[in-house]
Amino acid sequence: MTMLRDIALVVRSKNTSPFTYSLDILFRDRNDYENIKSRQLVDAALIAGLYGIAPDQVLDVIHFDPALAIKICLLRDIPSGAPGDRDVYGAQQHVPLLLWEIPGHAD
């Protein structure tokens, strides 16, 4: 089975505010990007399942065709820098997405 890490050029996360962070996927190949986009595989339900959160914590899923990119905006459980926060920069949140097995993707 193909994982996102096998077809993406970049999978990363970062803060977008003290209360939100984003996940970014940049694809190497237009065909892979279009395949994922046209089948609507990356949506709030997928992200909620991968991250063990409620779908309403997924604020937005944005496709940006010129960059072959998908941006996902999420609410943080704990504000950045607050007691208990273990990832002040939001830079370690991309791993569940990186390991996502893409259904029906030809290797």
C-alpha atoms as a PDB file:
ATOM      1  CA  MET A   1       0.000   0.000   0.000  1.00  0.00           C
ATOM      2  CA  THR A   2       1.214   3.491  -0.824  1.00  0.00           C
ATOM      3  CA  MET A   3       1.654   5.955   2.031  1.00  0.00           C
ATOM      4  CA  LEU A   4       1.432   9.704   1.597  1.00  0.00           C
ATOM      5  CA  ARG A   5       5.166   9.955   2.337  1.00  0.00           C
ATOM      6  CA  ASP A   6       5.785   7.910  -0.827  1.00  0.00           C
ATOM      7  CA  ILE A   7       4.168  10.439  -3.176  1.00  0.00           C
ATOM      8  CA  ALA A   8       4.469  13.794  -1.385  1.00  0.00           C
ATOM      9  CA  LEU A   9       7.401  16.127  -1.799  1.00  0.00           C
ATOM     10  CA  VAL A  10       6.660  17.797   1.553  1.00  0.00           C
ATOM     11  CA  VAL A  11       4.405  16.938   4.501  1.00  0.00           C
ATOM     12  CA  ARG A  12       4.765  19.412   7.360  1.00  0.00           C
ATOM     13  CA  SER A  13       2.962  21.141  10.191  1.00  0.00           C
ATOM     14  CA  LYS A  14       3.303  24.580  11.717  1.00  0.00           C
ATOM     15  CA  ASN A  15       1.495  27.066  13.921  1.00  0.00           C
ATOM     16  CA  THR A  16      -0.900  29.440  12.249  1.00  0.00           C
ATOM     17  CA  SER A  17      -1.799  31.098  15.570  1.00  0.00           C
ATOM     18  CA  PRO A  18      -1.473  30.214  19.268  1.00  0.00           C
ATOM     19  CA  PHE A  19      -4.759  28.285  18.902  1.00  0.00           C
ATOM     20  CA  THR A  20      -4.437  26.666  15.473  1.00  0.00           C
ATOM     21  CA  TYR A  21      -1.911  24.874  13.315  1.00  0.00           C
ATOM     22  CA  SER A  22      -1.799  23.759   9.717  1.00  0.00           C
ATOM     23  CA  LEU A  23      -0.773  20.619   7.916  1.00  0.00           C
ATOM     24  CA  ASP A  24       0.694  21.133   4.447  1.00  0.00           C
ATOM     25  CA  ILE A  25       0.994  18.532   1.709  1.00  0.00           C
ATOM     26  CA  LEU A  26       2.951  19.407  -1.438  1.00  0.00           C
ATOM     27  CA  PHE A  27       2.908  16.750  -4.146  1.00  0.00           C
ATOM     28  CA  ARG A  28       5.749  15.876  -6.523  1.00  0.00           C
ATOM     29  CA  ASP A  29       3.461  14.928  -9.365  1.00  0.00           C
ATOM     30  CA  ARG A  30       0.313  16.572 -10.756  1.00  0.00           C
ATOM     31  CA  ASN A  31      -1.298  13.162 -11.393  1.00  0.00           C
ATOM     32  CA  ASP A  32      -0.985  12.154  -7.729  1.00  0.00           C
ATOM     33  CA  TYR A  33      -2.342  15.530  -6.589  1.00  0.00           C
ATOM     34  CA  GLU A  34      -5.278  15.378  -9.011  1.00  0.00           C
ATOM     35  CA  ASN A  35      -6.041  11.771  -8.035  1.00  0.00           C
ATOM     36  CA  ILE A  36      -6.230  12.631  -4.321  1.00  0.00           C
ATOM     37  CA  LYS A  37      -8.185  15.821  -5.001  1.00  0.00           C
ATOM     38  CA  SER A  38     -10.697  14.331  -7.450  1.00  0.00           C
ATOM     39  CA  ARG A  39     -11.500  11.426  -5.120  1.00  0.00           C
ATOM     40  CA  GLN A  40     -11.874  13.908  -2.208  1.00  0.00           C
ATOM     41  CA  LEU A  41      -9.718  11.664  -0.027  1.00  0.00           C
ATOM     42  CA  VAL A  42      -8.366  14.422   2.218  1.00  0.00           C
ATOM     43  CA  ASP A  43     -11.332  15.759   4.154  1.00  0.00           C
ATOM     44  CA  ALA A  44     -12.366  16.536   7.730  1.00  0.00           C
ATOM     45  CA  ALA A  45     -13.420  12.916   8.358  1.00  0.00           C
ATOM     46  CA  LEU A  46     -10.004  11.542   7.306  1.00  0.00           C
ATOM     47  CA  ILE A  47      -8.089  14.064   9.395  1.00  0.00           C
ATOM     48  CA  ALA A  48     -10.361  13.529  12.413  1.00  0.00           C
ATOM     49  CA  GLY A  49      -9.759   9.785  12.165  1.00  0.00           C
ATOM     50  CA  LEU A  50      -5.982  10.076  11.775  1.00  0.00           C
ATOM     51  CA  TYR A  51      -5.665  12.523  14.670  1.00  0.00           C
ATOM     52  CA  GLY A  52      -8.347  11.144  17.007  1.00  0.00           C
ATOM     53  CA  ILE A  53     -10.238  14.435  17.080  1.00  0.00           C
ATOM     54  CA  ALA A  54     -13.774  15.567  16.323  1.00  0.00           C
ATOM     55  CA  PRO A  55     -14.403  16.576  12.692  1.00  0.00           C
ATOM     56  CA  ASP A  56     -15.361  20.081  13.836  1.00  0.00           C
ATOM     57  CA  GLN A  57     -11.766  20.602  15.023  1.00  0.00           C
ATOM     58  CA  VAL A  58     -10.776  20.496  11.350  1.00  0.00           C
ATOM     59  CA  LEU A  59     -11.393  24.100  10.373  1.00  0.00           C
ATOM     60  CA  ASP A  60     -10.599  23.891   6.668  1.00  0.00           C
ATOM     61  CA  VAL A  61      -9.162  21.746   3.888  1.00  0.00           C
ATOM     62  CA  ILE A  62      -7.867  23.910   1.037  1.00  0.00           C
ATOM     63  CA  HIS A  63      -6.623  22.697  -2.340  1.00  0.00           C
ATOM     64  CA  PHE A  64      -4.161  25.030  -4.041  1.00  0.00           C
ATOM     65  CA  ASP A  65      -3.744  23.820  -7.615  1.00  0.00           C
ATOM     66  CA  PRO A  66      -0.802  26.036  -8.717  1.00  0.00           C
ATOM     67  CA  ALA A  67       1.412  24.514  -5.998  1.00  0.00           C
ATOM     68  CA  LEU A  68      -0.055  20.984  -6.133  1.00  0.00           C
ATOM     69  CA  ALA A  69      -0.794  21.495  -2.450  1.00  0.00           C
ATOM     70  CA  ILE A  70      -3.369  20.804   0.228  1.00  0.00           C
ATOM     71  CA  LYS A  71      -3.510  22.839   3.439  1.00  0.00           C
ATOM     72  CA  ILE A  72      -5.462  21.575   6.436  1.00  0.00           C
ATOM     73  CA  CYS A  73      -6.218  23.929   9.345  1.00  0.00           C
ATOM     74  CA  LEU A  74      -6.818  22.462  12.810  1.00  0.00           C
ATOM     75  CA  LEU A  75      -7.607  23.707  16.290  1.00  0.00           C
ATOM     76  CA  ARG A  76      -4.855  23.045  18.828  1.00  0.00           C
ATOM     77  CA  ASP A  77      -5.851  21.103  21.965  1.00  0.00           C
ATOM     78  CA  ILE A  78      -3.607  23.326  24.089  1.00  0.00           C
ATOM     79  CA  PRO A  79      -2.610  26.872  23.086  1.00  0.00           C
ATOM     80  CA  SER A  80       0.982  27.233  21.950  1.00  0.00           C
ATOM     81  CA  GLY A  81       3.265  27.799  24.931  1.00  0.00           C
ATOM     82  CA  ALA A  82       0.587  27.072  27.548  1.00  0.00           C
ATOM     83  CA  PRO A  83       1.349  24.636  30.386  1.00  0.00           C
ATOM     84  CA  GLY A  84       1.222  21.113  29.002  1.00  0.00           C
ATOM     85  CA  ASP A  85       2.061  22.114  25.433  1.00  0.00           C
ATOM     86  CA  ARG A  86       4.768  19.790  24.119  1.00  0.00           C
ATOM     87  CA  ASP A  87       5.078  21.287  20.640  1.00  0.00           C
ATOM     88  CA  VAL A  88       5.288  25.083  20.905  1.00  0.00           C
ATOM     89  CA  TYR A  89       5.909  25.543  17.166  1.00  0.00           C
ATOM     90  CA  GLY A  90       3.383  22.952  15.963  1.00  0.00           C
ATOM     91  CA  ALA A  91       6.185  21.405  13.911  1.00  0.00           C
ATOM     92  CA  GLN A  92       5.744  17.800  15.075  1.00  0.00           C
ATOM     93  CA  GLN A  93       2.088  17.260  14.187  1.00  0.00           C
ATOM     94  CA  HIS A  94       2.458  15.958  10.640  1.00  0.00           C
ATOM     95  CA  VAL A  95       3.423  12.333  11.343  1.00  0.00           C
ATOM     96  CA  PRO A  96      -0.079  10.735  11.319  1.00  0.00           C
ATOM     97  CA  LEU A  97      -0.693  12.318   7.929  1.00  0.00           C
ATOM     98  CA  LEU A  98       2.744  11.308   6.663  1.00  0.00           C
ATOM     99  CA  LEU A  99       1.937   7.645   7.483  1.00  0.00           C
ATOM    100  CA  TRP A 100      -1.553   7.671   5.941  1.00  0.00           C
ATOM    101  CA  GLU A 101      -2.086   4.715   3.606  1.00  0.00           C
ATOM    102  CA  ILE A 102      -3.807   5.980   0.465  1.00  0.00           C
ATOM    103  CA  PRO A 103      -6.712   3.715  -0.506  1.00  0.00           C
ATOM    104  CA  GLY A 104      -6.714   2.475  -4.077  1.00  0.00           C
ATOM    105  CA  HIS A 105      -3.442   4.154  -5.035  1.00  0.00           C
ATOM    106  CA  ALA A 106      -1.445   2.209  -7.624  1.00  0.00           C
ATOM    107  CA  ASP A 107       2.168   1.705  -6.540  1.00  0.00           C
END
